[in-house]
C-alpha atoms as a PDB file:
ATOM      1  CA  MET A   1      22.517   6.208 -21.426  1.00  0.00           C
ATOM      2  CA  LEU A   2      18.953   5.400 -22.482  1.00  0.00           C
ATOM      3  CA  ILE A   3      17.957   9.081 -22.684  1.00  0.00           C
ATOM      4  CA  LYS A   4      21.154   9.847 -24.604  1.00  0.00           C
ATOM      5  CA  THR A   5      20.348   7.163 -27.177  1.00  0.00           C
ATOM      6  CA  ILE A   6      16.728   8.336 -27.555  1.00  0.00           C
ATOM      7  CA  VAL A   7      17.678  11.990 -28.059  1.00  0.00           C
ATOM      8  CA  GLU A   8      20.612  11.438 -30.398  1.00  0.00           C
ATOM      9  CA  ASN A   9      18.546   9.184 -32.666  1.00  0.00           C
ATOM     10  CA  ASN A  10      15.286  11.168 -32.453  1.00  0.00           C
ATOM     11  CA  LEU A  11      13.461   8.034 -31.272  1.00  0.00           C
ATOM     12  CA  GLN A  12      10.907  10.169 -29.410  1.00  0.00           C
ATOM     13  CA  ALA A  13       9.388  10.936 -32.817  1.00  0.00           C
ATOM     14  CA  PHE A  14       8.080   7.392 -33.102  1.00  0.00           C
ATOM     15  CA  THR A  15       6.250   7.675 -29.778  1.00  0.00           C
ATOM     16  CA  LEU A  16       4.616  10.918 -30.887  1.00  0.00           C
ATOM     17  CA  LEU A  17       3.787   9.383 -34.249  1.00  0.00           C
ATOM     18  CA  ALA A  18       2.187   6.364 -32.559  1.00  0.00           C
ATOM     19  CA  LEU A  19       0.005   8.604 -30.413  1.00  0.00           C
ATOM     20  CA  GLU A  20      -1.116  10.607 -33.412  1.00  0.00           C
ATOM     21  CA  ARG A  21      -1.964   7.489 -35.438  1.00  0.00           C
ATOM     22  CA  LYS A  22      -3.726   5.816 -32.531  1.00  0.00           C
ATOM     23  CA  ASN A  23      -6.029   8.797 -32.091  1.00  0.00           C
ATOM     24  CA  LYS A  24      -6.863   8.750 -35.803  1.00  0.00           C
ATOM     25  CA  LYS A  25      -7.209   4.937 -35.821  1.00  0.00           C
ATOM     26  CA  GLU A  26      -4.594   4.638 -38.529  1.00  0.00           C
ATOM     27  CA  ASP A  27      -1.696   2.276 -38.968  1.00  0.00           C
ATOM     28  CA  PHE A  28       1.871   3.344 -38.319  1.00  0.00           C
ATOM     29  CA  ALA A  29       3.257   5.498 -41.099  1.00  0.00           C
ATOM     30  CA  SER A  30       6.640   5.236 -42.761  1.00  0.00           C
ATOM     31  CA  ALA A  31       9.896   6.734 -41.539  1.00  0.00           C
ATOM     32  CA  THR A  32       9.222   9.652 -43.895  1.00  0.00           C
ATOM     33  CA  ASP A  33       6.121  10.573 -41.874  1.00  0.00           C
ATOM     34  CA  ALA A  34       8.220  10.433 -38.733  1.00  0.00           C
ATOM     35  CA  LYS A  35      10.631  12.957 -40.263  1.00  0.00           C
ATOM     36  CA  ILE A  36       7.723  15.281 -41.127  1.00  0.00           C
ATOM     37  CA  LEU A  37       6.354  14.995 -37.604  1.00  0.00           C
ATOM     38  CA  ILE A  38       9.740  15.928 -36.169  1.00  0.00           C
ATOM     39  CA  GLU A  39       9.791  19.082 -38.299  1.00  0.00           C
ATOM     40  CA  GLU A  40       6.213  20.013 -37.356  1.00  0.00           C
ATOM     41  CA  THR A  41       6.790  19.629 -33.637  1.00  0.00           C
ATOM     42  CA  LYS A  42      10.254  21.176 -33.808  1.00  0.00           C
ATOM     43  CA  ILE A  43      11.942  18.381 -31.896  1.00  0.00           C
ATOM     44  CA  GLU A  44      15.668  18.874 -31.824  1.00  0.00           C
ATOM     45  CA  PRO A  45      18.382  16.786 -30.226  1.00  0.00           C
ATOM     46  CA  ALA A  46      19.772  18.336 -27.063  1.00  0.00           C
ATOM     47  CA  LYS A  47      22.936  20.333 -27.469  1.00  0.00           C
ATOM     48  CA  LYS A  48      26.116  18.801 -26.122  1.00  0.00           C
ATOM     49  CA  THR A  49      27.451  20.150 -22.869  1.00  0.00           C
ATOM     50  CA  GLU A  50      30.935  19.886 -21.425  1.00  0.00           C
ATOM     51  CA  ASP A  51      29.853  16.593 -19.900  1.00  0.00           C
ATOM     52  CA  SER A  52      28.609  14.627 -22.902  1.00  0.00           C
ATOM     53  CA  SER A  53      26.805  12.186 -20.597  1.00  0.00           C
ATOM     54  CA  LEU A  54      24.361  14.913 -19.513  1.00  0.00           C
ATOM     55  CA  LYS A  55      21.505  15.863 -21.852  1.00  0.00           C
ATOM     56  CA  THR A  56      18.673  18.325 -21.583  1.00  0.00           C
ATOM     57  CA  ILE A  57      15.556  17.081 -23.322  1.00  0.00           C
ATOM     58  CA  PRO A  58      13.452  19.966 -24.717  1.00  0.00           C
ATOM     59  CA  ALA A  59       9.793  20.216 -23.754  1.00  0.00           C
ATOM     60  CA  VAL A  60       7.488  19.218 -26.601  1.00  0.00           C
ATOM     61  CA  TYR A  61       3.934  20.508 -26.915  1.00  0.00           C
ATOM     62  CA  THR A  62       1.907  18.763 -29.609  1.00  0.00           C
ATOM     63  CA  GLN A  63      -1.704  17.880 -30.268  1.00  0.00           C
ATOM     64  CA  ALA A  64      -0.830  14.327 -29.232  1.00  0.00           C
ATOM     65  CA  ALA A  65       0.316  15.580 -25.852  1.00  0.00           C
ATOM     66  CA  VAL A  66      -2.882  17.598 -25.439  1.00  0.00           C
ATOM     67  CA  THR A  67      -4.983  14.578 -26.352  1.00  0.00           C
ATOM     68  CA  GLU A  68      -3.051  12.505 -23.830  1.00  0.00           C
ATOM     69  CA  THR A  69      -4.153  14.835 -21.021  1.00  0.00           C
ATOM     70  CA  LYS A  70      -7.796  14.476 -22.047  1.00  0.00           C
ATOM     71  CA  LYS A  71      -8.010  10.732 -21.547  1.00  0.00           C
ATOM     72  CA  SER A  72     -11.150   9.423 -19.897  1.00  0.00           C
ATOM     73  CA  THR A  73     -11.099   8.858 -16.174  1.00  0.00           C
ATOM     74  CA  ALA A  74     -10.967   5.103 -16.674  1.00  0.00           C
ATOM     75  CA  ASP A  75      -7.638   5.389 -18.505  1.00  0.00           C
ATOM     76  CA  ARG A  76      -6.054   6.894 -15.390  1.00  0.00           C
ATOM     77  CA  TYR A  77      -6.601   3.763 -13.320  1.00  0.00           C
ATOM     78  CA  PRO A  78      -5.354   0.175 -13.686  1.00  0.00           C
ATOM     79  CA  VAL A  79      -7.698  -2.731 -14.322  1.00  0.00           C
ATOM     80  CA  GLY A  80      -8.653  -4.784 -11.276  1.00  0.00           C
ATOM     81  CA  VAL A  81      -7.917  -4.130  -7.614  1.00  0.00           C
ATOM     82  CA  PHE A  82      -5.241  -1.565  -6.711  1.00  0.00           C
ATOM     83  CA  GLU A  83      -4.554   0.796  -3.788  1.00  0.00           C
ATOM     84  CA  ILE A  84      -5.081   4.484  -3.102  1.00  0.00           C
ATOM     85  CA  ASN A  85      -3.875   5.864   0.220  1.00  0.00           C
ATOM     86  CA  GLU A  86      -3.342   2.299   1.506  1.00  0.00           C
ATOM     87  CA  SER A  87      -6.957   1.288   0.803  1.00  0.00           C
ATOM     88  CA  LYS A  88      -8.002  -1.338  -1.744  1.00  0.00           C
ATOM     89  CA  VAL A  89     -10.097   0.055  -4.583  1.00  0.00           C
ATOM     90  CA  VAL A  90     -11.338  -0.693  -8.107  1.00  0.00           C
ATOM     91  CA  PHE A  91     -12.733   1.492 -10.869  1.00  0.00           C
ATOM     92  CA  ALA A  92     -16.319   0.763 -11.980  1.00  0.00           C
ATOM     93  CA  THR A  93     -18.328   2.240 -14.846  1.00  0.00           C
ATOM     94  CA  ALA A  94     -21.627   4.107 -14.661  1.00  0.00           C
ATOM     95  CA  GLY A  95     -24.720   1.910 -14.456  1.00  0.00           C
ATOM     96  CA  THR A  96     -22.957  -0.888 -12.570  1.00  0.00           C
ATOM     97  CA  SER A  97     -25.110  -2.561  -9.924  1.00  0.00           C
ATOM     98  CA  LEU A  98     -23.825  -2.130  -6.367  1.00  0.00           C
ATOM     99  CA  LEU A  99     -25.198  -5.544  -5.505  1.00  0.00           C
ATOM    100  CA  ALA A 100     -23.258  -7.054  -8.398  1.00  0.00           C
ATOM    101  CA  LEU A 101     -20.096  -5.278  -7.222  1.00  0.00           C
ATOM    102  CA  ALA A 102     -20.589  -6.559  -3.694  1.00  0.00           C
ATOM    103  CA  ARG A 103     -21.050 -10.145  -4.866  1.00  0.00           C
ATOM    104  CA  ARG A 104     -18.183  -9.981  -7.345  1.00  0.00           C
ATOM    105  CA  HIS A 105     -15.741  -8.818  -4.677  1.00  0.00           C
ATOM    106  CA  ASN A 106     -17.249 -10.831  -1.815  1.00  0.00           C
ATOM    107  CA  ILE A 107     -18.189  -7.790   0.268  1.00  0.00           C
ATOM    108  CA  ALA A 108     -21.449  -7.322   2.172  1.00  0.00           C
ATOM    109  CA  LEU A 109     -23.579  -4.697   0.415  1.00  0.00           C
ATOM    110  CA  HIS A 110     -24.076  -2.629   3.569  1.00  0.00           C
ATOM    111  CA  LYS A 111     -20.304  -2.507   4.076  1.00  0.00           C
ATOM    112  CA  LEU A 112     -19.748  -1.464   0.460  1.00  0.00           C
ATOM    113  CA  ASN A 113     -22.203   1.405   0.958  1.00  0.00           C
ATOM    114  CA  LYS A 114     -20.486   2.430   4.186  1.00  0.00           C
ATOM    115  CA  PHE A 115     -16.942   2.276   2.797  1.00  0.00           C
ATOM    116  CA  ASN A 116     -17.927   4.451  -0.181  1.00  0.00           C
ATOM    117  CA  GLU A 117     -20.349   6.728   1.654  1.00  0.00           C
ATOM    118  CA  PHE A 118     -23.096   6.112  -0.890  1.00  0.00           C
ATOM    119  CA  GLU A 119     -26.497   7.697  -0.415  1.00  0.00           C
ATOM    120  CA  LYS A 120     -29.220   5.452   0.964  1.00  0.00           C
ATOM    121  CA  ASN A 121     -31.222   3.394  -1.533  1.00  0.00           C
ATOM    122  CA  THR A 122     -28.481   3.689  -4.159  1.00  0.00           C
ATOM    123  CA  GLU A 123     -28.707   0.671  -6.481  1.00  0.00           C
ATOM    124  CA  LEU A 124     -26.664   1.720  -9.521  1.00  0.00           C
ATOM    125  CA  LEU A 125     -23.571   3.866  -9.937  1.00  0.00           C
ATOM    126  CA  LYS A 126     -24.718   7.207 -11.325  1.00  0.00           C
ATOM    127  CA  LYS A 127     -21.315   7.833 -12.888  1.00  0.00           C
ATOM    128  CA  SER A 128     -18.078   5.969 -13.462  1.00  0.00           C
ATOM    129  CA  GLN A 129     -16.036   6.146 -10.270  1.00  0.00           C
ATOM    130  CA  LEU A 130     -13.725   4.486  -7.792  1.00  0.00           C
ATOM    131  CA  PHE A 131     -15.208   2.268  -5.105  1.00  0.00           C
ATOM    132  CA  TYR A 132     -13.389   0.995  -2.056  1.00  0.00           C
ATOM    133  CA  HIS A 133     -13.195  -2.505  -0.574  1.00  0.00           C
ATOM    134  CA  GLN A 134     -12.346  -1.197   2.874  1.00  0.00           C
ATOM    135  CA  LYS A 135     -12.802   1.877   5.005  1.00  0.00           C
ATOM    136  CA  LYS A 136     -10.903   4.895   3.719  1.00  0.00           C
ATOM    137  CA  ASN A 137      -8.286   6.624   5.873  1.00  0.00           C
ATOM    138  CA  LYS A 138      -9.000   9.708   7.961  1.00  0.00           C
ATOM    139  CA  LYS A 139      -6.069  11.552   6.358  1.00  0.00           C
ATOM    140  CA  GLY A 140      -4.799  11.752   2.792  1.00  0.00           C
ATOM    141  CA  LEU A 141      -1.314  11.136   1.440  1.00  0.00           C
ATOM    142  CA  ASN A 142      -1.100  14.669   0.018  1.00  0.00           C
ATOM    143  CA  ASP A 143      -1.388  17.865   2.054  1.00  0.00           C
ATOM    144  CA  ILE A 144      -3.851  19.658  -0.235  1.00  0.00           C
ATOM    145  CA  HIS A 145      -6.080  19.110  -3.258  1.00  0.00           C
ATOM    146  CA  VAL A 146      -6.964  21.924  -5.663  1.00  0.00           C
ATOM    147  CA  VAL A 147     -10.620  21.740  -6.684  1.00  0.00           C
ATOM    148  CA  SER A 148     -11.327  21.261 -10.403  1.00  0.00           C
ATOM    149  CA  ALA A 149     -14.396  22.618 -12.209  1.00  0.00           C
ATOM    150  CA  ASN A 150     -17.593  20.801 -11.133  1.00  0.00           C
ATOM    151  CA  GLU A 151     -15.617  18.620  -8.698  1.00  0.00           C
ATOM    152  CA  THR A 152     -17.438  17.833  -5.448  1.00  0.00           C
ATOM    153  CA  LEU A 153     -16.103  16.997  -2.002  1.00  0.00           C
ATOM    154  CA  TYR A 154     -17.285  13.446  -2.575  1.00  0.00           C
ATOM    155  CA  ASP A 155     -15.249  13.264  -5.794  1.00  0.00           C
ATOM    156  CA  ILE A 156     -12.191  14.486  -3.887  1.00  0.00           C
ATOM    157  CA  ALA A 157     -12.786  11.986  -1.073  1.00  0.00           C
ATOM    158  CA  GLN A 158     -12.873   9.111  -3.573  1.00  0.00           C
ATOM    159  CA  THR A 159      -9.917  10.345  -5.629  1.00  0.00           C
ATOM    160  CA  GLU A 160      -7.697  10.915  -2.598  1.00  0.00           C
ATOM    161  CA  GLY A 161      -8.891   7.874  -0.628  1.00  0.00           C
ATOM    162  CA  ILE A 162     -10.016   9.904   2.389  1.00  0.00           C
ATOM    163  CA  ARG A 163     -13.279   9.917   4.347  1.00  0.00           C
ATOM    164  CA  LEU A 164     -15.761  12.609   3.403  1.00  0.00           C
ATOM    165  CA  GLU A 165     -16.369  13.463   7.047  1.00  0.00           C
ATOM    166  CA  SER A 166     -12.660  14.246   7.431  1.00  0.00           C
ATOM    167  CA  LEU A 167     -12.748  16.689   4.504  1.00  0.00           C
ATOM    168  CA  LEU A 168     -15.733  18.481   6.018  1.00  0.00           C
ATOM    169  CA  GLU A 169     -14.001  18.706   9.399  1.00  0.00           C
ATOM    170  CA  PHE A 170     -10.544  19.726   8.155  1.00  0.00           C
ATOM    171  CA  ASN A 171     -11.955  22.479   5.938  1.00  0.00           C
ATOM    172  CA  ARG A 172     -14.866  23.674   8.125  1.00  0.00           C
ATOM    173  CA  ILE A 173     -17.404  23.016   5.401  1.00  0.00           C
ATOM    174  CA  PRO A 174     -21.074  22.525   6.396  1.00  0.00           C
ATOM    175  CA  LYS A 175     -23.029  19.699   4.788  1.00  0.00           C
ATOM    176  CA  GLY A 176     -24.829  20.740   1.607  1.00  0.00           C
ATOM    177  CA  MET A 177     -22.071  23.136   0.553  1.00  0.00           C
ATOM    178  CA  GLN A 178     -19.271  22.553  -1.948  1.00  0.00           C
ATOM    179  CA  PRO A 179     -15.896  24.266  -2.489  1.00  0.00           C
ATOM    180  CA  ALA A 180     -15.519  26.529  -5.510  1.00  0.00           C
ATOM    181  CA  ALA A 181     -13.175  25.581  -8.355  1.00  0.00           C
ATOM    182  CA  GLY A 182      -9.578  26.579  -7.678  1.00  0.00           C
ATOM    183  CA  GLU A 183      -9.919  26.422  -3.891  1.00  0.00           C
ATOM    184  CA  LYS A 184      -7.444  24.452  -1.776  1.00  0.00           C
ATOM    185  CA  ILE A 185      -8.859  21.549   0.221  1.00  0.00           C
ATOM    186  CA  TYR A 186      -6.720  20.311   3.101  1.00  0.00           C
ATOM    187  CA  LEU A 187      -6.353  16.546   3.393  1.00  0.00           C
ATOM    188  CA  ARG A 188      -4.151  16.027   6.455  1.00  0.00           C
ATOM    189  CA  PHE A 189      -4.753  18.884   8.866  1.00  0.00           C
ATOM    190  CA  ASN A 190      -7.088  21.789   9.565  1.00  0.00           C
ATOM    191  CA  SER A 191      -7.325  24.506   6.933  1.00  0.00           C
ATOM    192  CA  PRO A 192      -6.277  27.993   8.152  1.00  0.00           C
ATOM    193  CA  VAL A 193      -9.394  29.413   6.481  1.00  0.00           C
ATOM    194  CA  THR A 194     -12.685  28.095   5.154  1.00  0.00           C
ATOM    195  CA  PRO A 195     -12.542  27.822   1.358  1.00  0.00           C
ATOM    196  CA  LYS A 196     -14.905  29.766  -0.850  1.00  0.00           C
ATOM    197  CA  LEU A 197     -18.143  27.780  -0.991  1.00  0.00           C
ATOM    198  CA  ILE A 198     -21.037  27.366  -3.421  1.00  0.00           C
ATOM    199  CA  ASN A 199     -24.471  25.791  -3.120  1.00  0.00           C
ATOM    200  CA  THR A 200     -24.734  22.182  -4.229  1.00  0.00           C
ATOM    201  CA  SER A 201     -27.356  23.179  -6.784  1.00  0.00           C
ATOM    202  CA  ALA A 202     -24.815  25.369  -8.572  1.00  0.00           C
ATOM    203  CA  LEU A 203     -22.847  22.297  -9.676  1.00  0.00           C
ATOM    204  CA  ALA A 204     -25.838  21.022 -11.629  1.00  0.00           C
ATOM    205  CA  LYS A 205     -26.127  24.185 -13.724  1.00  0.00           C
END
């Protein structure tokens, strides 16, 4: 019933309009602007079927939708403590002191380093990332993870809430090597083949 009401009254236009105005840091426009936006994005109410209670909502591709997919990493995660793969985690920004994080969340610094598999002598976060309050699981929730451009095994381990050593073992990857973009990384069981690998130094280029 909710979808039916939205489609029949073109209410989705106001959501799209809000996204557009938010990106441009402008106030909401008038209903006239909403009508123009509908015409530009070619949003049309779904056609009636034999069962009037069923509606097919057309896919809409707009600049607002594209912008939505390019949100910063921080926007993908909630504020405060949450869970990934049954492990407690928070999102911290680059430059944050590990000691400060440990004190803030009442965790011993050496345990924080161990849970997040940080390199020795790390004092500040080099980039904004997730950090865990407890040991990550040996297996992920998903079966596979497709590697994005410049994404490292460590990035995948943090994103999926799985131990780095498990990723190396499941996918037969030697230390110092990284999977190429587009490769499938297995998170729950052994990979049938070793993924295409690249030298760590290649990610810095």
